[in-house]
Amino acid sequence: MIRVPKRSNEKPRPRGRPPHPDQLTPGEWRIVNAVRHGLTNAEIAKRRGISEDAVKYHVRNAVAKLGLRNRGELKRWQGAPTDSGLAKRTARRLASEEPQMTALRSKLGPIAQISRTVRDIDAACAWYGGVLGLPHLYTFGKLAFFDCGGTRLFLSAESATPGPESILYLRVDDIAAAHADLTARGTEFSGAPHMIHRHADGTEEWMAFFKDPEGRPLALLSQVKKT
């Protein structure tokens, strides 16, 4: 075999994966959003089909990259992927408004979704769809969604025991502005706004959870179309 000599002006290719253009890789974003959703390492590992050690590795990497101290700060860290619709919408809003005017201007919209836990997702779907006649929207594993006259009913069988309270999801146009608004009014959120799902058409679903004075759960919900 004749070996062709390497040209002197050729630069060696850098080894390893090239740096990602965003703060976090797509895999790290998925883990960070799950942490901000309030899931434990075990729950994240089960959902993602990976080991708990892999989850811990991603969490450590994200904390280090973002200059945070711990998981608690990561849960409340406000950030969005640079290619997300929310990041672009927030950038447009901040560019068009004075910083001191960004808070206390958001309006909570109608109830967008109500969640309810169930023991058996198939039996629940048969009852809500077949017996009640609610239009079925879509199903993801143990999660199912129905339409109640414009309000979405979210059924979840991920918990072994149905919870005592339903969660009210209030629709907002700009979840980042609404989060800043309610925080300024003294509302304590359990975590920062985070992406729950991206639909096939690119529409992103973002949520942020908080509680009323009696400790009952509520959430902000925003659907952002990718531009």
Protein backbone atom coordinates (compact mmCIF):
# COMPACT_ATOMS: atom_id res chain seq x y z
CA MET A 1 0.00 0.00 0.00
CA ILE A 2 1.35 3.40 -1.01
CA ARG A 3 0.88 6.00 1.65
CA VAL A 4 0.13 9.50 0.35
CA PRO A 5 2.13 12.09 2.28
CA LYS A 6 0.05 14.66 4.16
CA ARG A 7 0.19 18.16 2.80
CA SER A 8 1.98 20.56 5.07
CA ASN A 9 -0.76 23.20 4.86
CA GLU A 10 -3.55 20.82 5.93
CA LYS A 11 -4.80 21.39 9.47
CA PRO A 12 -5.66 18.33 11.55
CA ARG A 13 -9.34 17.92 12.30
CA PRO A 14 -10.23 18.59 15.94
CA ARG A 15 -11.13 15.45 17.81
CA GLY A 16 -14.42 14.92 19.60
CA ARG A 17 -17.87 16.43 19.10
CA PRO A 18 -17.96 20.05 17.89
CA PRO A 19 -19.24 22.59 20.43
CA HIS A 20 -23.01 23.10 20.41
CA PRO A 21 -24.11 26.63 19.41
CA ASP A 22 -26.59 26.87 22.31
CA GLN A 23 -25.84 27.08 26.05
CA LEU A 24 -26.95 23.48 26.44
CA THR A 25 -27.19 20.51 24.11
CA PRO A 26 -30.67 19.22 23.13
CA GLY A 27 -30.22 16.30 25.53
CA GLU A 28 -29.29 18.63 28.39
CA TRP A 29 -32.29 20.86 27.63
CA ARG A 30 -34.60 17.86 27.96
CA ILE A 31 -33.15 17.02 31.37
CA VAL A 32 -33.21 20.66 32.54
CA ASN A 33 -36.87 21.03 31.53
CA ALA A 34 -37.71 17.85 33.43
CA VAL A 35 -35.92 19.20 36.53
CA ARG A 36 -37.82 22.49 36.22
CA HIS A 37 -41.02 20.44 35.92
CA GLY A 38 -40.29 19.03 39.38
CA LEU A 39 -39.38 15.46 38.41
CA THR A 40 -36.90 13.42 40.43
CA ASN A 41 -33.85 11.75 38.91
CA ALA A 42 -35.63 8.39 39.03
CA GLU A 43 -38.71 9.80 37.27
CA ILE A 44 -36.60 11.48 34.60
CA ALA A 45 -34.61 8.28 34.02
CA LYS A 46 -37.81 6.28 33.62
CA ARG A 47 -39.32 8.76 31.18
CA ARG A 48 -36.16 9.13 29.10
CA GLY A 49 -35.22 5.45 29.19
CA ILE A 50 -31.76 6.14 30.61
CA SER A 51 -29.97 5.42 33.89
CA GLU A 52 -30.15 7.65 36.95
CA ASP A 53 -26.38 8.09 36.71
CA ALA A 54 -26.85 9.51 33.20
CA VAL A 55 -29.45 11.95 34.53
CA LYS A 56 -27.10 13.05 37.33
CA TYR A 57 -24.30 13.51 34.78
CA HIS A 58 -26.48 15.79 32.61
CA VAL A 59 -27.65 17.77 35.66
CA ARG A 60 -24.05 18.31 36.83
CA ASN A 61 -23.03 19.41 33.33
CA ALA A 62 -25.92 21.86 33.06
CA VAL A 63 -25.25 23.34 36.52
CA ALA A 64 -21.57 23.81 35.65
CA LYS A 65 -22.20 25.28 32.19
CA LEU A 66 -24.72 27.81 33.51
CA GLY A 67 -22.56 28.86 36.46
CA LEU A 68 -25.14 27.75 39.02
CA ARG A 69 -24.53 26.27 42.44
CA ASN A 70 -26.99 23.40 42.70
CA ARG A 71 -30.13 21.69 41.44
CA GLY A 72 -32.38 24.15 43.28
CA GLU A 73 -30.93 27.06 41.31
CA LEU A 74 -31.26 25.04 38.11
CA LYS A 75 -34.95 24.47 38.81
CA ARG A 76 -35.53 28.24 39.02
CA TRP A 77 -33.13 29.22 36.24
CA GLN A 78 -34.93 31.12 33.50
CA GLY A 79 -33.66 30.21 30.08
CA ALA A 80 -34.87 28.88 26.74
CA PRO A 81 -33.19 27.25 23.74
CA THR A 82 -31.95 29.91 21.34
CA ASP A 83 -33.95 28.36 18.48
CA SER A 84 -37.22 28.22 20.46
CA GLY A 85 -40.21 30.41 19.73
CA LEU A 86 -40.25 31.66 23.33
CA ALA A 87 -36.64 32.88 23.20
CA LYS A 88 -37.33 34.81 20.00
CA ARG A 89 -40.59 36.25 21.35
CA THR A 90 -38.89 37.36 24.58
CA ALA A 91 -36.07 38.99 22.61
CA ARG A 92 -38.59 40.92 20.50
CA ARG A 93 -40.51 42.05 23.60
CA LEU A 94 -37.39 43.22 25.42
CA ALA A 95 -36.19 45.05 22.32
CA SER A 96 -39.47 46.93 21.96
CA GLU A 97 -40.15 47.81 25.62
CA GLU A 98 -38.37 49.70 28.34
CA PRO A 99 -37.03 47.23 30.95
CA GLN A 100 -39.11 48.76 33.77
CA MET A 101 -42.28 48.32 31.72
CA THR A 102 -41.97 44.57 31.14
CA ALA A 103 -43.67 43.60 34.43
CA LEU A 104 -47.23 44.13 35.64
CA ARG A 105 -48.62 44.25 32.11
CA SER A 106 -49.55 40.63 31.42
CA LYS A 107 -53.12 39.36 31.53
CA LEU A 108 -54.14 35.86 32.49
CA GLY A 109 -56.33 34.31 29.85
CA PRO A 110 -59.08 31.69 30.11
CA ILE A 111 -58.54 28.25 31.59
CA ALA A 112 -56.63 26.38 28.90
CA GLN A 113 -56.37 22.96 30.56
CA ILE A 114 -57.49 20.97 33.59
CA SER A 115 -55.55 17.87 34.61
CA ARG A 116 -56.86 14.79 36.35
CA THR A 117 -54.99 11.66 37.42
CA VAL A 118 -56.49 8.25 36.64
CA ARG A 119 -55.61 4.64 37.47
CA ASP A 120 -56.05 3.17 33.96
CA ILE A 121 -55.55 5.41 30.93
CA ASP A 122 -57.35 3.05 28.51
CA ALA A 123 -60.41 2.71 30.76
CA ALA A 124 -60.43 6.48 31.35
CA CYS A 125 -60.23 7.20 27.61
CA ALA A 126 -63.08 4.79 26.96
CA TRP A 127 -65.22 6.55 29.59
CA TYR A 128 -64.41 10.19 28.78
CA GLY A 129 -64.53 9.57 25.03
CA GLY A 130 -67.12 6.83 24.70
CA VAL A 131 -69.50 7.56 27.56
CA LEU A 132 -69.15 11.35 27.90
CA GLY A 133 -68.53 11.82 24.19
CA LEU A 134 -65.63 14.27 24.58
CA PRO A 135 -63.57 14.68 21.39
CA HIS A 136 -60.21 12.92 21.75
CA LEU A 137 -57.27 15.14 20.79
CA TYR A 138 -54.19 12.93 21.19
CA THR A 139 -52.50 10.38 23.46
CA PHE A 140 -48.84 9.99 24.48
CA GLY A 141 -48.24 6.77 26.40
CA LYS A 142 -50.08 7.18 29.71
CA LEU A 143 -51.16 10.76 28.91
CA ALA A 144 -54.37 11.56 27.04
CA PHE A 145 -56.03 14.84 26.04
CA PHE A 146 -59.69 15.62 25.32
CA ASP A 147 -61.51 18.79 24.27
CA CYS A 148 -64.13 20.22 26.64
CA GLY A 149 -65.59 23.03 24.56
CA GLY A 150 -62.24 24.72 24.06
CA THR A 151 -60.74 23.75 27.43
CA ARG A 152 -58.34 20.83 27.27
CA LEU A 153 -58.79 17.92 29.69
CA PHE A 154 -55.46 16.26 30.51
CA LEU A 155 -55.60 12.69 31.88
CA SER A 156 -52.49 11.13 33.39
CA ALA A 157 -52.00 7.56 34.63
CA GLU A 158 -48.33 7.98 35.52
CA SER A 159 -49.06 7.96 39.26
CA ALA A 160 -50.19 4.74 40.94
CA THR A 161 -52.66 6.64 43.12
CA PRO A 162 -54.93 9.36 41.68
CA GLY A 163 -54.24 12.74 43.24
CA PRO A 164 -56.86 14.64 45.30
CA GLU A 165 -56.65 17.90 43.34
CA SER A 166 -56.99 18.86 39.71
CA ILE A 167 -54.57 21.45 38.33
CA LEU A 168 -55.94 24.57 36.66
CA TYR A 169 -53.81 25.73 33.71
CA LEU A 170 -54.31 29.41 32.86
CA ARG A 171 -53.55 30.42 29.30
CA VAL A 172 -51.17 33.35 28.74
CA ASP A 173 -49.74 34.75 25.54
CA ASP A 174 -46.24 35.44 26.88
CA ILE A 175 -45.32 33.08 29.72
CA ALA A 176 -42.00 34.82 30.42
CA ALA A 177 -43.74 38.17 30.94
CA ALA A 178 -46.55 36.60 32.99
CA HIS A 179 -44.02 34.77 35.18
CA ALA A 180 -42.15 38.05 35.83
CA ASP A 181 -45.44 39.84 36.49
CA LEU A 182 -46.75 37.34 39.06
CA THR A 183 -43.34 36.99 40.71
CA ALA A 184 -43.30 40.78 41.18
CA ARG A 185 -46.71 40.48 42.88
CA GLY A 186 -45.35 37.94 45.37
CA THR A 187 -46.31 34.66 43.69
CA GLU A 188 -43.81 31.89 44.40
CA PHE A 189 -43.26 29.49 41.50
CA SER A 190 -41.94 25.98 42.04
CA GLY A 191 -39.74 26.33 38.96
CA ALA A 192 -39.03 28.53 35.96
CA PRO A 193 -41.09 28.36 32.73
CA HIS A 194 -40.04 25.28 30.79
CA MET A 195 -40.95 23.54 27.55
CA ILE A 196 -43.15 20.49 28.00
CA HIS A 197 -43.60 19.38 24.41
CA ARG A 198 -42.96 20.39 20.81
CA HIS A 199 -45.69 19.36 18.37
CA ALA A 200 -45.06 18.10 14.85
CA ASP A 201 -45.84 21.53 13.40
CA GLY A 202 -43.22 23.15 15.66
CA THR A 203 -45.68 24.61 18.18
CA GLU A 204 -44.10 24.63 21.66
CA GLU A 205 -45.99 24.12 24.93
CA TRP A 206 -44.50 25.98 27.91
CA MET A 207 -45.61 25.76 31.55
CA ALA A 208 -44.77 27.19 34.97
CA PHE A 209 -46.31 25.94 38.23
CA PHE A 210 -47.36 27.78 41.39
CA LYS A 211 -49.88 27.38 44.25
CA ASP A 212 -52.80 29.32 45.65
CA PRO A 213 -52.90 30.44 49.34
CA GLU A 214 -54.38 27.04 50.31
CA GLY A 215 -51.50 25.21 48.65
CA ARG A 216 -53.51 23.95 45.66
CA PRO A 217 -51.66 23.72 42.35
CA LEU A 218 -52.09 26.04 39.38
CA ALA A 219 -50.03 26.61 36.26
CA LEU A 220 -49.44 29.04 33.44
CA LEU A 221 -49.66 27.54 29.96
CA SER A 222 -48.49 29.14 26.74
CA GLN A 223 -48.46 27.76 23.22
CA VAL A 224 -45.74 29.36 21.12
CA LYS A 225 -45.62 28.84 17.38
CA LYS A 226 -42.10 28.62 16.01
CA THR A 227 -41.42 31.44 13.58
